[in-house]
Amino acid sequence: MPDKKRDYGIAAGGRRDFLKAGATALVSTALLPGSLSSQSSAAFAAHEAVPSFELDEASLTTLQRGLKSGEYSSKQLVEMYVSRIEAIDRRGPALNAVIEINPGSITIAEQMDAERRTKGPRGSLHGIPVLIKDNIATADRMQTTAGSLALVGSIPPNDSAVAERLRAAGAVILGKANLSEWANFRSIHSTSGWSGRGGLTKNPYALDRNPSGSSSGSGTAVASNLCAVAVGSETDGSIVSPSNNCGIVGIKPTVGLIARTGIIPISQTQDTAGPMTRSVADAAALLTVLAGIDSRDAATTAAPGQIAPDYTKFLDPKGLRNTRIGVVRKYAGFNTDVDRLFGEAIGAMKRAGAEIVDPVEIPTIGKFDDAELLVMLYEFKDGLNRYLAWLGKSTQVHTLKDVIKFNEDHREQEMPYFGQDLMLQSEAKGPLTSPEYLKALEECRRQSRTEGIDAAMDKYKLDALIAPTGGPAWTTDLLNGDHTVGGSSTLAAVAGYPNINVPMGFTFGMPVGISFFGRAWSEPTLIKLAYAFEQQTNERKPAKFLTVADLSLKK
């Protein structure tokens, strides 16, 4: 696997002038009302001044205060965010983060405004515009396509569990965020942030840089204030990596904390949705809404007694005091500036009262990468075929084999830059009863859990582990694909354990994050630590929408 591309659940690109020959006709007939059309501007147009925005960096608390006072209505918030999307996502820098706006969002907002007046708010998300990744099903006038033209026009029979919980909380689903197509499980040579339907998403800090993925649109949208908060999904790196590249907070929770029902799958053992926000407080509030048991998702059967009623209760600015935090040095050392920032982060934790154990040795790191891929190859075919069967007659593709054929038949639109080697490998695999699969799954669980995170935390008596989440964003390269230099998502991802990215600083004007990860169901502890670190360092800075990275900025 060249470059050991860790983001299987992250994909390529940006709405690149995906009107190349032949694509226009297909898209013009396929996109439903409410979809955003592709841009005719070049992928990296000259930077235009981005207008100021009244809701820049607005938190959920600020927005709820404005709704309560009458300064805003939910309808006004929707209109303001849609105007922002029109201004800088479709025009201006043309970020291509939003693949589709919900044509029913105004109506929903009006309903939430009326309910607030008569009954009061349901909670912290009542009337709040939220973007969700385009692999999270909604049974409404929007599409759910995983960025693929193969699923254009398909209609999910029901909302996903994530959409159900957002609606129950009174949130307004503003639209769908672009993503790396099929959550980046199509080709090992893909460019993150690119999808056949949505094109290429850009990094808002420097437009020639990559937002990572596969939750590329969610990361860019949050960083660019195109929404209040967003929901992404991760198999390995797809929440924490774009959060790292886009300078935001991302929580990849324990598998089973958030139901995956209605999410286009890669891996039944690693997939999970999660919050992507501008602060730990907002992430905790969104996690509170999303977490819950669902009889349709067997992974949530382990969750009873593990789900906190309110994750915001763990927001303790002094939460680093009297804690033991282990440094996973094996995940560092790939970039001198990242090492410097990581050292400064460790120093800040020490000053806040944490005891640092450095280094923590986890000898299994790097030993189960091949087994992880093998598990995903088996599970992707099984899970996708089940999802497509759930769609029934509303879709033109009914199996992974059909998707592969569609891509071949529409090669110019779907495969202009990279192929579908991972899909082909997956299609060649047998059922989940195969001895090869069961052996690989056992190896992954043992080496990531029993001999990995759990063993290290027991041996060193730790509250959490830390590592750099990744390097600064790389330049987008549609010719050669992604060229990442480091990342620490795999251990927690394969274990199915929680991981939180928090901004840790900047190098040459590009954000870099730190990851807090630990045992299963340890979200309360990780949120406490991440929040205390965030309050101690306050490294989140708004995006500048530069045309290229400013290499004069060392920090």
Protein backbone atom coordinates (compact mmCIF):
# COMPACT_ATOMS: atom_id res chain seq x y z
CA MET A 1 0.00 0.00 0.00
CA PRO A 2 1.94 3.06 -1.22
CA ASP A 3 2.34 5.78 1.41
CA LYS A 4 0.32 3.62 3.82
CA LYS A 5 -2.69 5.82 3.15
CA ARG A 6 -4.45 5.62 6.49
CA ASP A 7 -7.69 7.31 5.54
CA TYR A 8 -9.70 4.48 4.11
CA GLY A 9 -12.79 6.32 5.23
CA ILE A 10 -11.59 9.51 3.60
CA ALA A 11 -11.52 10.33 -0.03
CA ALA A 12 -10.42 12.68 -2.66
CA GLY A 13 -11.05 16.01 -3.58
CA GLY A 14 -12.92 18.98 -4.75
CA ARG A 15 -15.52 19.86 -7.10
CA ARG A 16 -12.83 20.27 -9.69
CA ASP A 17 -14.40 21.51 -12.87
CA PHE A 18 -16.19 18.23 -12.94
CA LEU A 19 -17.88 19.43 -15.96
CA LYS A 20 -15.37 17.89 -18.27
CA ALA A 21 -16.71 16.44 -21.47
CA GLY A 22 -19.65 14.17 -20.97
CA ALA A 23 -20.21 14.92 -17.29
CA THR A 24 -22.49 17.88 -17.85
CA ALA A 25 -25.23 15.91 -19.53
CA LEU A 26 -25.21 13.20 -16.89
CA VAL A 27 -25.21 15.59 -13.96
CA SER A 28 -27.78 18.02 -15.33
CA THR A 29 -30.35 15.25 -15.54
CA ALA A 30 -29.28 13.46 -12.36
CA LEU A 31 -29.09 16.12 -9.68
CA LEU A 32 -32.28 16.78 -7.80
CA PRO A 33 -33.65 20.27 -7.03
CA GLY A 34 -31.63 21.78 -4.23
CA SER A 35 -28.32 20.33 -5.42
CA LEU A 36 -25.43 22.71 -5.99
CA SER A 37 -24.12 22.61 -9.52
CA SER A 38 -20.43 22.30 -10.33
CA GLN A 39 -18.31 25.37 -10.76
CA SER A 40 -16.85 26.41 -14.07
CA SER A 41 -13.99 28.27 -12.40
CA ALA A 42 -10.58 26.67 -12.39
CA ALA A 43 -9.78 24.39 -9.46
CA PHE A 44 -7.44 26.95 -7.94
CA ALA A 45 -8.79 30.32 -9.00
CA ALA A 46 -7.09 33.49 -7.81
CA HIS A 47 -8.06 34.24 -4.24
CA GLU A 48 -10.81 36.81 -3.80
CA ALA A 49 -11.42 38.70 -0.57
CA VAL A 50 -13.83 36.70 1.60
CA PRO A 51 -16.51 38.98 3.07
CA SER A 52 -16.92 39.22 6.82
CA PHE A 53 -19.71 37.12 8.25
CA GLU A 54 -21.84 37.97 11.25
CA LEU A 55 -21.81 34.36 12.48
CA ASP A 56 -18.06 33.81 12.14
CA GLU A 57 -16.85 31.45 14.89
CA ALA A 58 -20.30 31.52 16.54
CA SER A 59 -20.69 28.75 19.14
CA LEU A 60 -23.84 26.80 19.92
CA THR A 61 -24.12 28.78 23.17
CA THR A 62 -23.91 32.09 21.29
CA LEU A 63 -26.47 31.00 18.73
CA GLN A 64 -28.89 29.72 21.37
CA ARG A 65 -28.51 32.98 23.28
CA GLY A 66 -29.39 34.88 20.11
CA LEU A 67 -32.40 32.64 19.45
CA LYS A 68 -33.62 33.07 23.02
CA SER A 69 -33.28 36.86 22.95
CA GLY A 70 -34.93 37.16 19.57
CA GLU A 71 -31.81 38.58 17.96
CA TYR A 72 -32.10 35.72 15.48
CA SER A 73 -34.73 33.26 14.41
CA SER A 74 -33.85 29.78 13.19
CA LYS A 75 -35.12 30.80 9.77
CA GLN A 76 -32.70 33.74 9.75
CA LEU A 77 -29.80 31.48 10.74
CA VAL A 78 -30.58 29.16 7.84
CA GLU A 79 -30.79 32.07 5.44
CA MET A 80 -27.51 33.49 6.72
CA TYR A 81 -25.64 30.21 6.37
CA VAL A 82 -27.11 29.58 2.91
CA SER A 83 -25.97 33.07 1.86
CA ARG A 84 -22.53 32.27 3.23
CA ILE A 85 -22.48 29.03 1.22
CA GLU A 86 -23.54 30.88 -1.92
CA ALA A 87 -20.86 33.52 -1.35
CA ILE A 88 -17.76 31.43 -0.68
CA ASP A 89 -18.59 27.80 -1.36
CA ARG A 90 -20.12 28.31 -4.80
CA ARG A 91 -18.36 31.60 -5.61
CA GLY A 92 -15.41 33.42 -4.10
CA PRO A 93 -12.81 30.78 -3.22
CA ALA A 94 -15.29 28.09 -4.45
CA LEU A 95 -14.55 25.70 -1.60
CA ASN A 96 -16.97 23.00 -2.81
CA ALA A 97 -17.64 21.78 0.72
CA VAL A 98 -21.43 21.57 0.36
CA ILE A 99 -22.72 19.10 -2.20
CA GLU A 100 -26.39 19.92 -1.69
CA ILE A 101 -28.59 22.33 0.28
CA ASN A 102 -31.73 20.94 1.89
CA PRO A 103 -34.69 22.45 0.00
CA GLY A 104 -36.82 21.90 3.10
CA SER A 105 -34.48 23.67 5.53
CA ILE A 106 -36.46 26.93 5.65
CA THR A 107 -39.71 25.09 6.39
CA ILE A 108 -38.06 23.06 9.15
CA ALA A 109 -36.56 26.23 10.64
CA GLU A 110 -39.97 27.92 10.66
CA GLN A 111 -41.43 24.92 12.46
CA MET A 112 -38.67 25.08 15.07
CA ASP A 113 -39.26 28.81 15.53
CA ALA A 114 -42.98 28.22 16.11
CA GLU A 115 -42.26 25.43 18.57
CA ARG A 116 -39.78 27.59 20.48
CA ARG A 117 -42.45 30.26 20.90
CA THR A 118 -45.10 27.83 22.16
CA LYS A 119 -43.13 25.14 24.01
CA GLY A 120 -39.59 26.41 24.38
CA PRO A 121 -36.42 24.80 22.98
CA ARG A 122 -35.82 21.06 23.01
CA GLY A 123 -32.13 21.51 23.80
CA SER A 124 -28.83 22.92 22.62
CA LEU A 125 -29.43 22.06 18.95
CA HIS A 126 -32.99 23.36 18.67
CA GLY A 127 -33.21 25.43 15.48
CA ILE A 128 -29.48 25.08 14.75
CA PRO A 129 -28.35 24.52 11.12
CA VAL A 130 -26.24 21.34 10.84
CA LEU A 131 -24.47 19.87 7.81
CA ILE A 132 -24.13 16.10 7.51
CA LYS A 133 -21.82 14.05 5.33
CA ASP A 134 -23.28 12.76 2.07
CA ASN A 135 -23.03 9.13 3.17
CA ILE A 136 -25.62 9.65 5.94
CA ALA A 137 -29.09 8.80 4.67
CA THR A 138 -32.04 11.16 4.84
CA ALA A 139 -35.54 10.24 3.67
CA ASP A 140 -36.40 13.68 2.36
CA ARG A 141 -35.85 15.75 -0.78
CA MET A 142 -32.08 15.45 -0.52
CA GLN A 143 -29.95 12.70 -1.98
CA THR A 144 -27.53 10.34 -0.25
CA THR A 145 -24.82 9.32 -2.69
CA ALA A 146 -21.42 8.99 -0.98
CA GLY A 147 -20.37 11.43 -3.69
CA SER A 148 -20.93 8.83 -6.42
CA LEU A 149 -22.96 9.39 -9.57
CA ALA A 150 -23.99 5.73 -9.28
CA LEU A 151 -26.35 6.64 -6.41
CA VAL A 152 -27.77 9.82 -7.88
CA GLY A 153 -31.56 9.61 -7.71
CA SER A 154 -31.68 6.83 -5.11
CA ILE A 155 -34.14 7.36 -2.28
CA PRO A 156 -33.47 5.88 1.18
CA PRO A 157 -36.64 4.33 2.63
CA ASN A 158 -35.94 5.86 6.06
CA ASP A 159 -33.77 8.40 7.80
CA SER A 160 -30.47 7.20 9.18
CA ALA A 161 -30.27 6.94 12.96
CA VAL A 162 -28.08 10.08 12.93
CA ALA A 163 -30.70 12.07 11.00
CA GLU A 164 -33.45 10.78 13.30
CA ARG A 165 -31.61 11.96 16.39
CA LEU A 166 -30.80 15.36 14.89
CA ARG A 167 -34.44 15.91 13.95
CA ALA A 168 -35.61 14.76 17.39
CA ALA A 169 -33.26 17.34 18.94
CA GLY A 170 -34.82 20.09 16.84
CA ALA A 171 -31.78 20.60 14.62
CA VAL A 172 -32.20 21.85 11.05
CA ILE A 173 -30.38 19.60 8.60
CA LEU A 174 -29.03 22.34 6.35
CA GLY A 175 -27.60 20.09 3.65
CA LYS A 176 -25.08 17.43 2.71
CA ALA A 177 -21.33 17.91 2.82
CA ASN A 178 -19.03 16.72 0.08
CA LEU A 179 -16.66 13.86 0.84
CA SER A 180 -14.00 11.67 -0.61
CA GLU A 181 -16.08 9.43 -2.86
CA TRP A 182 -17.28 6.21 -1.20
CA ALA A 183 -15.56 7.56 1.94
CA ASN A 184 -12.23 6.98 0.21
CA PHE A 185 -12.63 3.26 -0.22
CA ARG A 186 -12.36 3.13 -3.98
CA SER A 187 -8.65 3.44 -4.72
CA ILE A 188 -5.42 3.58 -2.76
CA HIS A 189 -4.28 6.29 -5.21
CA SER A 190 -7.20 8.65 -4.60
CA THR A 191 -7.08 12.37 -3.90
CA SER A 192 -8.91 13.19 -0.68
CA GLY A 193 -11.86 15.55 -0.98
CA TRP A 194 -12.77 14.58 -4.56
CA SER A 195 -16.01 12.90 -5.58
CA GLY A 196 -17.58 12.32 -8.95
CA ARG A 197 -20.74 14.12 -7.89
CA GLY A 198 -19.25 16.92 -5.82
CA GLY A 199 -15.83 17.54 -7.33
CA LEU A 200 -12.85 18.79 -5.31
CA THR A 201 -13.14 20.29 -1.83
CA LYS A 202 -10.43 22.82 -0.94
CA ASN A 203 -8.67 23.57 2.31
CA PRO A 204 -9.85 26.98 3.59
CA TYR A 205 -6.45 27.88 5.06
CA ALA A 206 -4.71 27.58 1.68
CA LEU A 207 -6.72 26.70 -1.41
CA ASP A 208 -3.94 24.66 -3.00
CA ARG A 209 -3.82 22.40 0.06
CA ASN A 210 -5.91 19.35 0.80
CA PRO A 211 -8.62 19.22 3.50
CA SER A 212 -8.02 15.47 3.92
CA GLY A 213 -10.99 13.18 4.21
CA SER A 214 -13.10 11.42 3.85
CA SER A 215 -15.14 13.97 5.82
CA SER A 216 -13.55 16.69 3.69
CA GLY A 217 -16.66 18.80 3.17
CA SER A 218 -17.61 18.61 6.83
CA GLY A 219 -14.14 19.77 7.88
CA THR A 220 -13.93 22.64 5.39
CA ALA A 221 -17.52 23.72 6.08
CA VAL A 222 -16.99 23.98 9.84
CA ALA A 223 -13.65 25.76 9.45
CA SER A 224 -15.23 28.21 6.96
CA ASN A 225 -18.34 28.89 9.06
CA LEU A 226 -20.71 27.43 6.47
CA CYS A 227 -22.69 25.84 9.30
CA ALA A 228 -22.86 25.85 13.08
CA VAL A 229 -21.62 22.26 13.44
CA ALA A 230 -21.29 19.23 11.17
CA VAL A 231 -21.37 15.45 11.32
CA GLY A 232 -18.65 13.36 9.71
CA SER A 233 -17.88 9.66 9.73
CA GLU A 234 -14.70 7.65 10.19
CA THR A 235 -13.36 4.20 9.44
CA ASP A 236 -9.71 5.12 9.94
CA GLY A 237 -8.86 8.82 10.07
CA SER A 238 -11.88 10.25 8.29
CA ILE A 239 -12.94 12.53 11.17
CA VAL A 240 -9.67 13.27 12.95
CA SER A 241 -7.56 13.78 9.80
CA PRO A 242 -9.76 16.46 8.16
CA SER A 243 -10.16 18.02 11.60
CA ASN A 244 -6.35 18.17 11.80
CA ASN A 245 -6.00 19.68 8.32
CA CYS A 246 -8.85 22.16 8.79
CA GLY A 247 -8.01 23.35 12.30
CA ILE A 248 -11.15 22.13 14.08
CA VAL A 249 -12.24 19.69 16.79
CA GLY A 250 -13.32 16.20 15.77
CA ILE A 251 -14.54 13.33 17.93
CA LYS A 252 -14.31 9.77 16.62
CA PRO A 253 -16.32 7.95 19.31
CA THR A 254 -16.25 4.35 20.47
CA VAL A 255 -17.86 2.14 17.83
CA GLY A 256 -21.40 1.57 19.09
CA LEU A 257 -21.86 4.90 20.85
CA ILE A 258 -23.56 6.34 17.75
CA ALA A 259 -25.75 4.06 15.65
CA ARG A 260 -24.59 3.50 12.05
CA THR A 261 -28.03 2.57 10.69
CA GLY A 262 -28.48 4.25 7.30
CA ILE A 263 -24.84 5.24 6.83
CA ILE A 264 -23.24 3.94 3.63
CA PRO A 265 -20.72 1.51 5.12
CA ILE A 266 -17.11 0.48 4.78
CA SER A 267 -16.46 -1.57 7.92
CA GLN A 268 -18.96 -2.88 10.44
CA THR A 269 -16.18 -3.14 13.01
CA GLN A 270 -14.66 0.34 12.55
CA ASP A 271 -17.29 2.70 11.09
CA THR A 272 -18.80 5.45 13.22
CA ALA A 273 -20.25 8.92 12.78
CA GLY A 274 -18.99 11.76 14.95
CA PRO A 275 -19.05 15.53 15.66
CA MET A 276 -16.91 18.04 13.77
CA THR A 277 -17.00 21.50 15.36
CA ARG A 278 -14.95 24.59 16.17
CA SER A 279 -14.72 23.82 19.89
CA VAL A 280 -14.69 20.91 22.31
CA ALA A 281 -17.80 22.31 24.00
CA ASP A 282 -19.78 22.22 20.76
CA ALA A 283 -18.48 18.72 20.00
CA ALA A 284 -19.62 17.51 23.42
CA ALA A 285 -23.07 19.02 22.88
CA LEU A 286 -23.42 17.41 19.45
CA LEU A 287 -22.17 14.06 20.77
CA THR A 288 -24.87 14.19 23.45
CA VAL A 289 -27.51 14.39 20.72
CA LEU A 290 -25.98 11.74 18.44
CA ALA A 291 -25.22 9.05 21.05
CA GLY A 292 -27.88 6.42 21.58
CA ILE A 293 -28.90 2.79 21.32
CA ASP A 294 -30.52 1.49 18.13
CA SER A 295 -31.88 -2.05 17.86
CA ARG A 296 -31.03 -2.00 14.15
CA ASP A 297 -27.29 -1.66 14.90
CA ALA A 298 -25.87 -4.58 16.87
CA ALA A 299 -22.77 -2.55 17.83
CA THR A 300 -24.93 -0.37 20.10
CA THR A 301 -25.97 -3.36 22.22
CA ALA A 302 -22.77 -2.85 24.24
CA ALA A 303 -23.66 0.79 24.87
CA PRO A 304 -26.26 0.50 27.70
CA GLY A 305 -24.69 1.97 30.82
CA GLN A 306 -21.87 3.49 28.75
CA ILE A 307 -23.68 6.49 27.27
CA ALA A 308 -23.52 9.69 29.31
CA PRO A 309 -26.78 11.69 29.46
CA ASP A 310 -24.86 14.92 28.82
CA TYR A 311 -21.24 15.03 27.64
CA THR A 312 -21.02 18.77 28.31
CA LYS A 313 -20.89 17.91 32.03
CA PHE A 314 -17.28 16.82 31.48
CA LEU A 315 -16.09 20.23 30.24
CA ASP A 316 -13.68 20.97 33.06
CA PRO A 317 -11.07 23.70 32.44
CA LYS A 318 -8.97 22.12 35.18
CA GLY A 319 -9.43 18.63 33.81
CA LEU A 320 -5.70 17.98 33.25
CA ARG A 321 -4.89 18.16 36.96
CA ASN A 322 -3.72 14.91 38.56
CA THR A 323 -3.95 12.90 35.35
CA ARG A 324 -1.43 10.55 33.75
CA ILE A 325 -1.05 10.95 30.01
CA GLY A 326 1.09 8.70 27.85
CA VAL A 327 3.06 9.96 24.84
CA VAL A 328 3.07 7.59 21.85
CA ARG A 329 6.39 8.71 20.36
CA LYS A 330 6.18 6.14 17.58
CA TYR A 331 3.55 8.36 15.97
CA ALA A 332 5.83 11.43 16.05
CA GLY A 333 9.14 12.24 14.41
CA PHE A 334 7.86 12.71 10.85
CA ASN A 335 8.05 16.52 10.79
CA THR A 336 10.29 18.82 12.84
CA ASP A 337 7.69 21.60 13.16
CA VAL A 338 5.02 19.13 14.26
CA ASP A 339 7.45 17.75 16.83
CA ARG A 340 8.07 21.28 18.10
CA LEU A 341 4.35 21.97 18.44
CA PHE A 342 3.83 18.58 20.09
CA GLY A 343 6.56 19.41 22.60
CA GLU A 344 4.88 22.75 23.36
CA ALA A 345 1.56 20.95 23.82
CA ILE A 346 3.13 18.52 26.27
CA GLY A 347 4.63 21.46 28.16
CA ALA A 348 1.20 23.10 28.39
CA MET A 349 -0.28 19.90 29.83
CA LYS A 350 2.45 19.71 32.43
CA ARG A 351 1.80 23.30 33.47
CA ALA A 352 -1.90 22.44 33.77
CA GLY A 353 -1.12 19.68 36.25
CA ALA A 354 -0.80 16.53 34.13
CA GLU A 355 1.85 13.91 34.73
CA ILE A 356 3.40 12.97 31.40
CA VAL A 357 4.68 9.44 30.75
CA ASP A 358 7.10 9.67 27.84
CA PRO A 359 7.54 7.48 25.90
CA VAL A 360 4.83 4.84 26.03
CA GLU A 361 5.85 1.82 24.01
CA ILE A 362 3.15 -0.04 22.06
CA PRO A 363 5.03 -2.74 20.14
CA THR A 364 2.03 -3.79 18.03
CA ILE A 365 1.84 -0.46 16.15
CA GLY A 366 2.34 -1.07 12.42
CA LYS A 367 1.97 -4.84 12.71
CA PHE A 368 -1.71 -5.14 11.81
CA ASP A 369 -1.99 -2.74 8.86
CA ASP A 370 -2.36 -5.54 6.31
CA ALA A 371 -4.91 -7.32 8.50
CA GLU A 372 -6.91 -4.08 8.81
CA LEU A 373 -7.13 -3.69 5.06
CA LEU A 374 -8.13 -7.32 4.64
CA VAL A 375 -10.95 -6.91 7.17
CA MET A 376 -12.20 -3.82 5.37
CA LEU A 377 -12.10 -5.50 1.97
CA TYR A 378 -14.39 -8.25 3.25
CA GLU A 379 -16.67 -5.96 5.24
CA PHE A 380 -17.07 -3.33 2.52
CA LYS A 381 -18.55 -5.80 0.04
CA ASP A 382 -20.87 -7.31 2.63
CA GLY A 383 -21.98 -3.96 4.07
CA LEU A 384 -22.44 -2.16 0.76
CA ASN A 385 -24.48 -5.00 -0.72
CA ARG A 386 -26.74 -4.87 2.35
CA TYR A 387 -27.12 -1.09 2.08
CA LEU A 388 -27.97 -1.25 -1.63
CA ALA A 389 -30.53 -3.98 -0.94
CA TRP A 390 -32.08 -1.64 1.67
CA LEU A 391 -32.48 1.02 -1.03
CA GLY A 392 -34.49 -1.45 -3.10
CA LYS A 393 -35.71 -0.44 -6.55
CA SER A 394 -34.92 3.25 -6.05
CA THR A 395 -31.30 2.72 -7.08
CA GLN A 396 -29.76 1.76 -10.42
CA VAL A 397 -27.02 -0.25 -8.68
CA HIS A 398 -27.85 -3.18 -6.41
CA THR A 399 -24.47 -4.71 -5.62
CA LEU A 400 -20.81 -3.72 -5.42
CA LYS A 401 -20.40 -5.48 -8.77
CA ASP A 402 -22.99 -3.10 -10.25
CA VAL A 403 -21.11 -0.08 -8.84
CA ILE A 404 -17.86 -1.29 -10.41
CA LYS A 405 -19.60 -1.67 -13.78
CA PHE A 406 -21.18 1.78 -13.46
CA ASN A 407 -17.77 3.31 -12.86
CA GLU A 408 -16.38 1.55 -15.92
CA ASP A 409 -19.32 2.66 -18.04
CA HIS A 410 -18.90 6.27 -16.85
CA ARG A 411 -15.12 6.27 -16.64
CA GLU A 412 -14.73 9.85 -17.90
CA GLN A 413 -16.93 11.25 -15.11
CA GLU A 414 -16.12 8.80 -12.32
CA MET A 415 -12.50 7.84 -12.91
CA PRO A 416 -10.72 10.79 -14.54
CA TYR A 417 -7.88 10.72 -11.99
CA PHE A 418 -7.81 7.37 -10.20
CA GLY A 419 -9.38 3.96 -10.51
CA GLN A 420 -11.25 1.51 -8.30
CA ASP A 421 -8.58 -0.98 -7.25
CA LEU A 422 -9.92 -1.28 -3.69
CA MET A 423 -13.42 -2.01 -4.97
CA LEU A 424 -12.08 -4.70 -7.29
CA GLN A 425 -10.16 -6.32 -4.44
CA SER A 426 -13.25 -6.18 -2.24
CA GLU A 427 -15.50 -7.75 -4.89
CA ALA A 428 -13.09 -10.71 -5.09
CA LYS A 429 -13.58 -11.53 -1.40
CA GLY A 430 -15.94 -14.14 -0.01
CA PRO A 431 -18.42 -14.05 2.89
CA LEU A 432 -17.71 -12.97 6.46
CA THR A 433 -17.49 -16.64 7.46
CA SER A 434 -14.24 -16.98 5.50
CA PRO A 435 -11.35 -18.24 7.68
CA GLU A 436 -9.06 -15.58 6.18
CA TYR A 437 -11.41 -12.82 7.33
CA LEU A 438 -11.95 -14.26 10.80
CA LYS A 439 -8.21 -14.66 11.34
CA ALA A 440 -7.52 -11.08 10.26
CA LEU A 441 -10.32 -9.73 12.47
CA GLU A 442 -8.97 -11.58 15.52
CA GLU A 443 -5.48 -10.25 14.80
CA CYS A 444 -6.75 -6.67 14.54
CA ARG A 445 -8.69 -6.83 17.79
CA ARG A 446 -5.92 -8.52 19.74
CA GLN A 447 -3.09 -6.28 18.58
CA SER A 448 -5.01 -2.99 18.77
CA ARG A 449 -6.94 -3.70 21.97
CA THR A 450 -5.60 -6.45 24.27
CA GLU A 451 -1.94 -6.04 23.27
CA GLY A 452 -2.34 -2.41 22.20
CA ILE A 453 -4.27 0.39 23.90
CA ASP A 454 -5.54 -1.65 26.85
CA ALA A 455 -2.13 -3.17 27.56
CA ALA A 456 -0.36 0.20 27.43
CA MET A 457 -2.88 1.93 29.66
CA ASP A 458 -2.72 -0.89 32.19
CA LYS A 459 1.09 -1.06 32.18
CA TYR A 460 1.62 2.70 32.57
CA LYS A 461 -1.57 3.38 34.59
CA LEU A 462 -2.76 6.04 32.16
CA ASP A 463 -5.87 8.15 31.75
CA ALA A 464 -5.23 8.70 28.02
CA LEU A 465 -2.71 8.48 25.22
CA ILE A 466 -1.60 11.39 23.02
CA ALA A 467 0.12 11.78 19.66
CA PRO A 468 0.22 14.27 16.80
CA THR A 469 -2.87 13.67 14.68
CA GLY A 470 -0.93 14.24 11.46
CA GLY A 471 1.21 16.66 9.52
CA PRO A 472 0.13 19.95 7.96
CA ALA A 473 -2.07 19.73 4.86
CA TRP A 474 -0.31 18.57 1.72
CA THR A 475 -0.76 20.17 -1.68
CA THR A 476 -3.64 18.66 -3.62
CA ASP A 477 -2.31 16.52 -6.46
CA LEU A 478 -4.94 15.00 -8.73
CA LEU A 479 -2.20 13.43 -10.87
CA ASN A 480 -0.47 11.44 -8.13
CA GLY A 481 -3.02 11.35 -5.31
CA ASP A 482 -2.47 12.07 -1.63
CA HIS A 483 1.00 12.33 -0.13
CA THR A 484 0.55 12.39 3.62
CA VAL A 485 3.59 12.28 5.87
CA GLY A 486 2.26 10.97 9.17
CA GLY A 487 -0.82 10.07 11.15
CA SER A 488 -1.89 8.40 14.38
CA SER A 489 -5.51 7.40 13.74
CA THR A 490 -5.06 3.68 13.09
CA LEU A 491 -4.61 2.29 16.60
CA ALA A 492 -7.85 3.72 17.99
CA ALA A 493 -9.69 3.17 14.70
CA VAL A 494 -8.92 -0.55 14.48
CA ALA A 495 -9.67 -1.01 18.18
CA GLY A 496 -12.98 0.81 17.76
CA TYR A 497 -11.94 3.11 20.61
CA PRO A 498 -12.49 6.90 20.94
CA ASN A 499 -10.17 9.57 19.58
CA ILE A 500 -10.43 13.37 19.79
CA ASN A 501 -8.49 15.86 17.65
CA VAL A 502 -7.89 19.36 19.06
CA PRO A 503 -5.96 22.16 17.29
CA MET A 504 -2.41 22.27 18.66
CA GLY A 505 -0.82 25.07 16.64
CA PHE A 506 0.27 26.22 13.20
CA THR A 507 3.24 25.68 10.93
CA PHE A 508 3.64 27.95 7.89
CA GLY A 509 0.08 29.11 8.46
CA MET A 510 -1.38 25.59 8.32
CA PRO A 511 -3.11 24.01 11.33
CA VAL A 512 -1.88 20.89 13.09
CA GLY A 513 -3.78 18.88 15.70
CA ILE A 514 -3.16 16.64 18.67
CA SER A 515 -5.07 13.41 19.33
CA PHE A 516 -6.33 12.23 22.72
CA PHE A 517 -7.32 8.55 22.64
CA GLY A 518 -7.90 5.74 25.11
CA ARG A 519 -10.04 2.81 26.18
CA ALA A 520 -13.50 1.94 24.93
CA TRP A 521 -16.25 4.24 26.27
CA SER A 522 -13.70 6.72 27.71
CA GLU A 523 -15.29 9.74 26.00
CA PRO A 524 -15.97 11.49 29.35
CA THR A 525 -12.27 11.38 30.28
CA LEU A 526 -11.07 12.35 26.81
CA ILE A 527 -13.50 15.27 26.59
CA LYS A 528 -12.33 16.51 29.99
CA LEU A 529 -8.68 16.35 28.91
CA ALA A 530 -9.28 17.79 25.44
CA TYR A 531 -11.34 20.69 26.82
CA ALA A 532 -8.75 21.54 29.47
CA PHE A 533 -6.00 21.47 26.82
CA GLU A 534 -8.07 23.65 24.50
CA GLN A 535 -8.71 26.20 27.25
CA GLN A 536 -5.05 26.18 28.23
CA THR A 537 -3.71 26.72 24.70
CA ASN A 538 -6.53 28.30 22.62
CA GLU A 539 -4.87 27.45 19.29
CA ARG A 540 -7.96 27.55 17.07
CA LYS A 541 -7.63 30.40 14.53
CA PRO A 542 -10.03 31.27 11.70
CA ALA A 543 -9.14 30.29 8.14
CA LYS A 544 -7.63 32.98 5.89
CA PHE A 545 -8.54 31.49 2.49
CA LEU A 546 -5.06 32.10 1.07
CA THR A 547 -4.47 31.08 -2.51
CA VAL A 548 -1.38 29.13 -1.46
CA ALA A 549 0.19 28.39 1.91
CA ASP A 550 2.23 31.28 3.29
CA LEU A 551 5.65 29.69 3.66
CA SER A 552 6.96 32.78 5.42
CA LEU A 553 4.92 31.81 8.48
CA LYS A 554 7.04 29.43 10.51
CA LYS A 555 4.41 29.22 13.24
